[in-house]
């Protein structure tokens, strides 16, 4: 989940989305919120990575807050360049399809 440069509250929102995805599937997932500022998630199950130089954002072509489902081997299994209406439901469905 890419945050870009936004208010820290947005990182908390993205962490809540990640928590919903983790709770709704048996597939082991490791939610990571990537921000361009020093935001934290205050959640042991969600990793917050700071990307102040925007290298990771640029690598994935992220210019607005978006969602990516990335396999452990780096393959992008699904992406949303803009936030869907129900991001947790979209991610959960994509995760189920990838894991099937």
N, C-alpha and C. Protein backbone atom coordinates (compact mmCIF):
# COMPACT_ATOMS: atom_id res chain seq x y z
N UNK A 1 0.84 -1.16 0.00
CA UNK A 1 0.00 0.00 0.00
C UNK A 1 0.89 1.22 0.00
N UNK A 2 0.72 2.01 -1.00
CA UNK A 2 1.54 3.21 -1.12
C UNK A 2 0.75 4.42 -0.67
N UNK A 3 1.38 5.22 0.15
CA UNK A 3 0.71 6.38 0.71
C UNK A 3 1.06 7.66 -0.03
N UNK A 4 2.25 7.78 -0.57
CA UNK A 4 2.80 9.04 -1.09
C UNK A 4 2.94 10.02 0.06
N UNK A 5 3.05 11.28 -0.23
CA UNK A 5 3.24 12.29 0.82
C UNK A 5 1.87 12.76 1.27
N UNK A 6 1.43 12.24 2.39
CA UNK A 6 0.11 12.55 2.93
C UNK A 6 0.22 12.69 4.43
N UNK A 7 -0.86 12.97 5.06
CA UNK A 7 -0.90 13.12 6.51
C UNK A 7 -0.74 11.74 7.16
N UNK A 8 -0.14 11.70 8.34
CA UNK A 8 0.10 10.43 9.04
C UNK A 8 -1.18 9.65 9.29
N UNK A 9 -2.32 10.32 9.42
CA UNK A 9 -3.59 9.62 9.63
C UNK A 9 -3.89 8.69 8.47
N UNK A 10 -3.42 9.03 7.27
CA UNK A 10 -3.64 8.17 6.12
C UNK A 10 -2.93 6.83 6.27
N UNK A 11 -1.76 6.84 6.89
CA UNK A 11 -1.05 5.58 7.14
C UNK A 11 -1.86 4.71 8.08
N UNK A 12 -2.53 5.31 9.05
CA UNK A 12 -3.38 4.54 9.95
C UNK A 12 -4.57 3.94 9.20
N UNK A 13 -5.11 4.69 8.26
CA UNK A 13 -6.21 4.18 7.44
C UNK A 13 -5.74 2.99 6.62
N UNK A 14 -4.56 3.11 6.01
CA UNK A 14 -4.03 2.00 5.23
C UNK A 14 -3.73 0.79 6.11
N UNK A 15 -3.27 1.03 7.32
CA UNK A 15 -3.02 -0.08 8.25
C UNK A 15 -4.33 -0.77 8.61
N UNK A 16 -5.41 0.00 8.77
CA UNK A 16 -6.72 -0.60 9.07
C UNK A 16 -7.20 -1.46 7.91
N UNK A 17 -6.96 -1.01 6.69
CA UNK A 17 -7.31 -1.81 5.51
C UNK A 17 -6.53 -3.12 5.54
N UNK A 18 -5.26 -3.04 5.84
CA UNK A 18 -4.43 -4.25 5.91
C UNK A 18 -4.93 -5.20 6.98
N UNK A 19 -5.33 -4.67 8.11
CA UNK A 19 -5.86 -5.52 9.19
C UNK A 19 -7.11 -6.25 8.73
N UNK A 20 -8.00 -5.57 8.01
CA UNK A 20 -9.22 -6.22 7.51
C UNK A 20 -8.88 -7.34 6.54
N UNK A 21 -7.89 -7.12 5.69
CA UNK A 21 -7.49 -8.16 4.74
C UNK A 21 -6.93 -9.36 5.49
N UNK A 22 -6.06 -9.12 6.45
CA UNK A 22 -5.48 -10.23 7.24
C UNK A 22 -6.57 -11.02 7.95
N UNK A 23 -7.59 -10.34 8.47
CA UNK A 23 -8.65 -10.99 9.23
C UNK A 23 -9.62 -11.77 8.34
N UNK A 24 -9.67 -11.45 7.05
CA UNK A 24 -10.68 -12.07 6.19
C UNK A 24 -10.15 -13.19 5.31
N UNK A 25 -8.91 -13.58 5.49
CA UNK A 25 -8.36 -14.66 4.67
C UNK A 25 -7.41 -15.52 5.49
N UNK A 26 -7.29 -16.76 5.08
CA UNK A 26 -6.35 -17.66 5.74
C UNK A 26 -4.97 -17.61 5.10
N UNK A 27 -4.85 -16.88 4.00
CA UNK A 27 -3.58 -16.77 3.30
C UNK A 27 -2.66 -15.86 4.12
N UNK A 28 -1.45 -16.32 4.40
CA UNK A 28 -0.55 -15.46 5.17
C UNK A 28 -0.14 -14.24 4.35
N UNK A 29 -0.41 -13.07 4.87
CA UNK A 29 -0.04 -11.84 4.18
C UNK A 29 0.79 -10.97 5.12
N UNK A 30 1.63 -10.17 4.54
CA UNK A 30 2.44 -9.24 5.31
C UNK A 30 2.16 -7.84 4.78
N UNK A 31 1.22 -7.15 5.38
CA UNK A 31 0.89 -5.81 4.91
C UNK A 31 2.04 -4.83 5.16
N UNK A 32 2.36 -4.08 4.12
CA UNK A 32 3.41 -3.06 4.22
C UNK A 32 2.84 -1.75 3.70
N UNK A 33 2.93 -0.72 4.50
CA UNK A 33 2.53 0.62 4.09
C UNK A 33 3.81 1.38 3.78
N UNK A 34 3.93 1.86 2.55
CA UNK A 34 5.14 2.58 2.13
C UNK A 34 4.78 4.06 2.00
N UNK A 35 5.46 4.88 2.79
CA UNK A 35 5.16 6.30 2.82
C UNK A 35 6.38 7.12 2.40
N UNK A 36 6.16 8.36 2.07
CA UNK A 36 7.27 9.24 1.76
C UNK A 36 7.61 10.14 2.95
N UNK A 37 6.94 9.92 4.05
CA UNK A 37 7.24 10.68 5.25
C UNK A 37 7.51 9.71 6.40
N UNK A 38 7.54 10.18 7.60
CA UNK A 38 7.91 9.35 8.75
C UNK A 38 6.69 8.77 9.46
N UNK A 39 5.68 8.38 8.72
CA UNK A 39 4.47 7.82 9.33
C UNK A 39 4.75 6.45 9.93
N UNK A 40 4.01 6.11 10.96
CA UNK A 40 4.08 4.79 11.58
C UNK A 40 2.67 4.24 11.66
N UNK A 41 2.56 2.92 11.85
CA UNK A 41 1.24 2.30 11.90
C UNK A 41 0.82 1.94 13.32
N UNK A 42 1.75 1.82 14.24
CA UNK A 42 1.44 1.41 15.62
C UNK A 42 0.73 0.06 15.66
N UNK A 43 1.08 -0.81 14.76
CA UNK A 43 0.47 -2.14 14.66
C UNK A 43 1.59 -3.13 14.36
N UNK A 44 1.78 -4.10 15.23
CA UNK A 44 2.85 -5.07 15.05
C UNK A 44 2.68 -5.93 13.81
N UNK A 45 1.44 -6.04 13.28
CA UNK A 45 1.19 -6.87 12.12
C UNK A 45 1.29 -6.12 10.79
N UNK A 46 1.51 -4.82 10.85
CA UNK A 46 1.62 -4.01 9.65
C UNK A 46 2.94 -3.27 9.69
N UNK A 47 3.74 -3.46 8.66
CA UNK A 47 5.05 -2.82 8.58
C UNK A 47 4.91 -1.47 7.88
N UNK A 48 5.51 -0.44 8.43
CA UNK A 48 5.55 0.87 7.78
C UNK A 48 6.98 1.11 7.32
N UNK A 49 7.14 1.32 6.02
CA UNK A 49 8.44 1.63 5.45
C UNK A 49 8.43 3.07 4.96
N UNK A 50 9.46 3.80 5.30
CA UNK A 50 9.57 5.17 4.84
C UNK A 50 10.42 5.22 3.58
N UNK A 51 9.94 5.94 2.60
CA UNK A 51 10.59 6.06 1.30
C UNK A 51 10.79 7.55 0.98
N UNK A 52 11.62 8.25 1.76
CA UNK A 52 11.73 9.70 1.60
C UNK A 52 12.26 10.14 0.24
N UNK A 53 13.06 9.31 -0.42
CA UNK A 53 13.57 9.66 -1.74
C UNK A 53 12.62 9.22 -2.86
N UNK A 54 11.54 8.55 -2.50
CA UNK A 54 10.51 8.07 -3.42
C UNK A 54 11.03 7.04 -4.42
N UNK A 55 12.14 6.38 -4.10
CA UNK A 55 12.71 5.37 -5.00
C UNK A 55 11.73 4.22 -5.24
N UNK A 56 11.16 3.70 -4.16
CA UNK A 56 10.22 2.58 -4.31
C UNK A 56 8.97 3.04 -5.04
N UNK A 57 8.48 4.22 -4.72
CA UNK A 57 7.31 4.76 -5.41
C UNK A 57 7.59 4.89 -6.90
N UNK A 58 8.76 5.42 -7.25
CA UNK A 58 9.11 5.59 -8.66
C UNK A 58 9.28 4.24 -9.36
N UNK A 59 9.88 3.26 -8.65
CA UNK A 59 10.08 1.93 -9.23
C UNK A 59 8.75 1.30 -9.64
N UNK A 60 7.72 1.46 -8.80
CA UNK A 60 6.41 0.88 -9.08
C UNK A 60 5.48 1.84 -9.82
N UNK A 61 5.97 3.03 -10.16
CA UNK A 61 5.16 3.98 -10.91
C UNK A 61 4.00 4.57 -10.13
N UNK A 62 4.19 4.74 -8.83
CA UNK A 62 3.12 5.25 -7.97
C UNK A 62 3.20 6.77 -7.88
N UNK A 63 2.12 7.44 -8.23
CA UNK A 63 2.09 8.90 -8.11
C UNK A 63 0.95 9.37 -7.21
N UNK A 64 0.02 8.48 -6.88
CA UNK A 64 -1.08 8.78 -5.97
C UNK A 64 -1.20 7.61 -5.00
N UNK A 65 -1.89 7.77 -3.88
CA UNK A 65 -2.08 6.63 -2.98
C UNK A 65 -2.71 5.46 -3.74
N UNK A 66 -2.15 4.28 -3.58
CA UNK A 66 -2.66 3.12 -4.31
C UNK A 66 -2.37 1.83 -3.57
N UNK A 67 -2.90 0.76 -4.12
CA UNK A 67 -2.74 -0.56 -3.52
C UNK A 67 -2.07 -1.50 -4.51
N UNK A 68 -1.15 -2.29 -4.00
CA UNK A 68 -0.47 -3.31 -4.80
C UNK A 68 -0.48 -4.61 -4.02
N UNK A 69 -0.71 -5.70 -4.71
CA UNK A 69 -0.56 -7.03 -4.12
C UNK A 69 0.68 -7.62 -4.77
N UNK A 70 1.74 -7.73 -4.00
CA UNK A 70 3.03 -8.17 -4.51
C UNK A 70 3.40 -9.49 -3.87
N UNK A 71 3.67 -10.48 -4.73
CA UNK A 71 4.07 -11.79 -4.23
C UNK A 71 5.47 -11.71 -3.62
N UNK A 72 5.85 -12.71 -2.83
CA UNK A 72 7.19 -12.71 -2.22
C UNK A 72 8.33 -12.64 -3.25
N UNK A 73 8.07 -13.13 -4.47
CA UNK A 73 9.12 -13.09 -5.50
C UNK A 73 9.16 -11.76 -6.24
N UNK A 74 8.35 -10.78 -5.81
CA UNK A 74 8.36 -9.46 -6.41
C UNK A 74 7.36 -9.26 -7.54
N UNK A 75 6.69 -10.33 -7.96
CA UNK A 75 5.70 -10.23 -9.03
C UNK A 75 4.48 -9.45 -8.54
N UNK A 76 4.04 -8.49 -9.35
CA UNK A 76 2.85 -7.71 -9.00
C UNK A 76 1.63 -8.52 -9.42
N UNK A 77 0.89 -9.03 -8.44
CA UNK A 77 -0.27 -9.88 -8.70
C UNK A 77 -1.52 -9.06 -8.98
N UNK A 78 -1.60 -7.87 -8.41
CA UNK A 78 -2.75 -6.98 -8.64
C UNK A 78 -2.33 -5.57 -8.25
N UNK A 79 -2.96 -4.59 -8.91
CA UNK A 79 -2.66 -3.20 -8.55
C UNK A 79 -3.87 -2.31 -8.79
N UNK A 80 -3.97 -1.32 -7.95
CA UNK A 80 -4.99 -0.28 -8.08
C UNK A 80 -4.24 1.04 -8.00
N UNK A 81 -4.24 1.81 -9.07
CA UNK A 81 -3.50 3.07 -9.07
C UNK A 81 -4.27 4.16 -8.35
N UNK A 82 -5.55 3.92 -8.10
CA UNK A 82 -6.36 4.80 -7.27
C UNK A 82 -7.09 3.94 -6.26
N UNK A 83 -7.40 4.51 -5.12
CA UNK A 83 -8.09 3.75 -4.08
C UNK A 83 -9.48 3.33 -4.53
N UNK A 84 -9.78 2.03 -4.48
CA UNK A 84 -11.14 1.58 -4.78
C UNK A 84 -12.10 1.96 -3.66
N UNK A 85 -13.38 1.86 -3.94
CA UNK A 85 -14.40 2.22 -2.94
C UNK A 85 -14.24 1.39 -1.67
N UNK A 86 -13.98 0.08 -1.81
CA UNK A 86 -13.77 -0.79 -0.66
C UNK A 86 -12.43 -1.51 -0.85
N UNK A 87 -11.34 -0.85 -0.49
CA UNK A 87 -10.02 -1.42 -0.76
C UNK A 87 -9.78 -2.76 -0.09
N UNK A 88 -10.28 -2.97 1.11
CA UNK A 88 -10.06 -4.25 1.80
C UNK A 88 -10.74 -5.38 1.04
N UNK A 89 -11.96 -5.16 0.57
CA UNK A 89 -12.68 -6.19 -0.19
C UNK A 89 -11.96 -6.49 -1.50
N UNK A 90 -11.49 -5.46 -2.18
CA UNK A 90 -10.77 -5.66 -3.45
C UNK A 90 -9.49 -6.46 -3.24
N UNK A 91 -8.72 -6.08 -2.22
CA UNK A 91 -7.48 -6.80 -1.93
C UNK A 91 -7.74 -8.24 -1.52
N UNK A 92 -8.75 -8.44 -0.70
CA UNK A 92 -9.09 -9.79 -0.24
C UNK A 92 -9.47 -10.68 -1.42
N UNK A 93 -10.29 -10.17 -2.32
CA UNK A 93 -10.70 -10.95 -3.49
C UNK A 93 -9.49 -11.26 -4.38
N UNK A 94 -8.65 -10.28 -4.60
CA UNK A 94 -7.45 -10.52 -5.42
C UNK A 94 -6.53 -11.54 -4.77
N UNK A 95 -6.38 -11.45 -3.46
CA UNK A 95 -5.54 -12.40 -2.73
C UNK A 95 -6.10 -13.81 -2.85
N UNK A 96 -7.40 -13.95 -2.74
CA UNK A 96 -8.03 -15.28 -2.88
C UNK A 96 -7.81 -15.84 -4.28
N UNK A 97 -7.90 -15.01 -5.30
CA UNK A 97 -7.69 -15.46 -6.68
C UNK A 97 -6.24 -15.89 -6.89
N UNK A 98 -5.30 -15.12 -6.36
CA UNK A 98 -3.88 -15.44 -6.52
C UNK A 98 -3.53 -16.72 -5.78
N UNK A 99 -4.14 -16.92 -4.60
CA UNK A 99 -3.82 -18.09 -3.77
C UNK A 99 -4.52 -19.36 -4.25
N UNK A 100 -5.51 -19.23 -5.12
CA UNK A 100 -6.27 -20.40 -5.57
C UNK A 100 -5.47 -21.28 -6.49
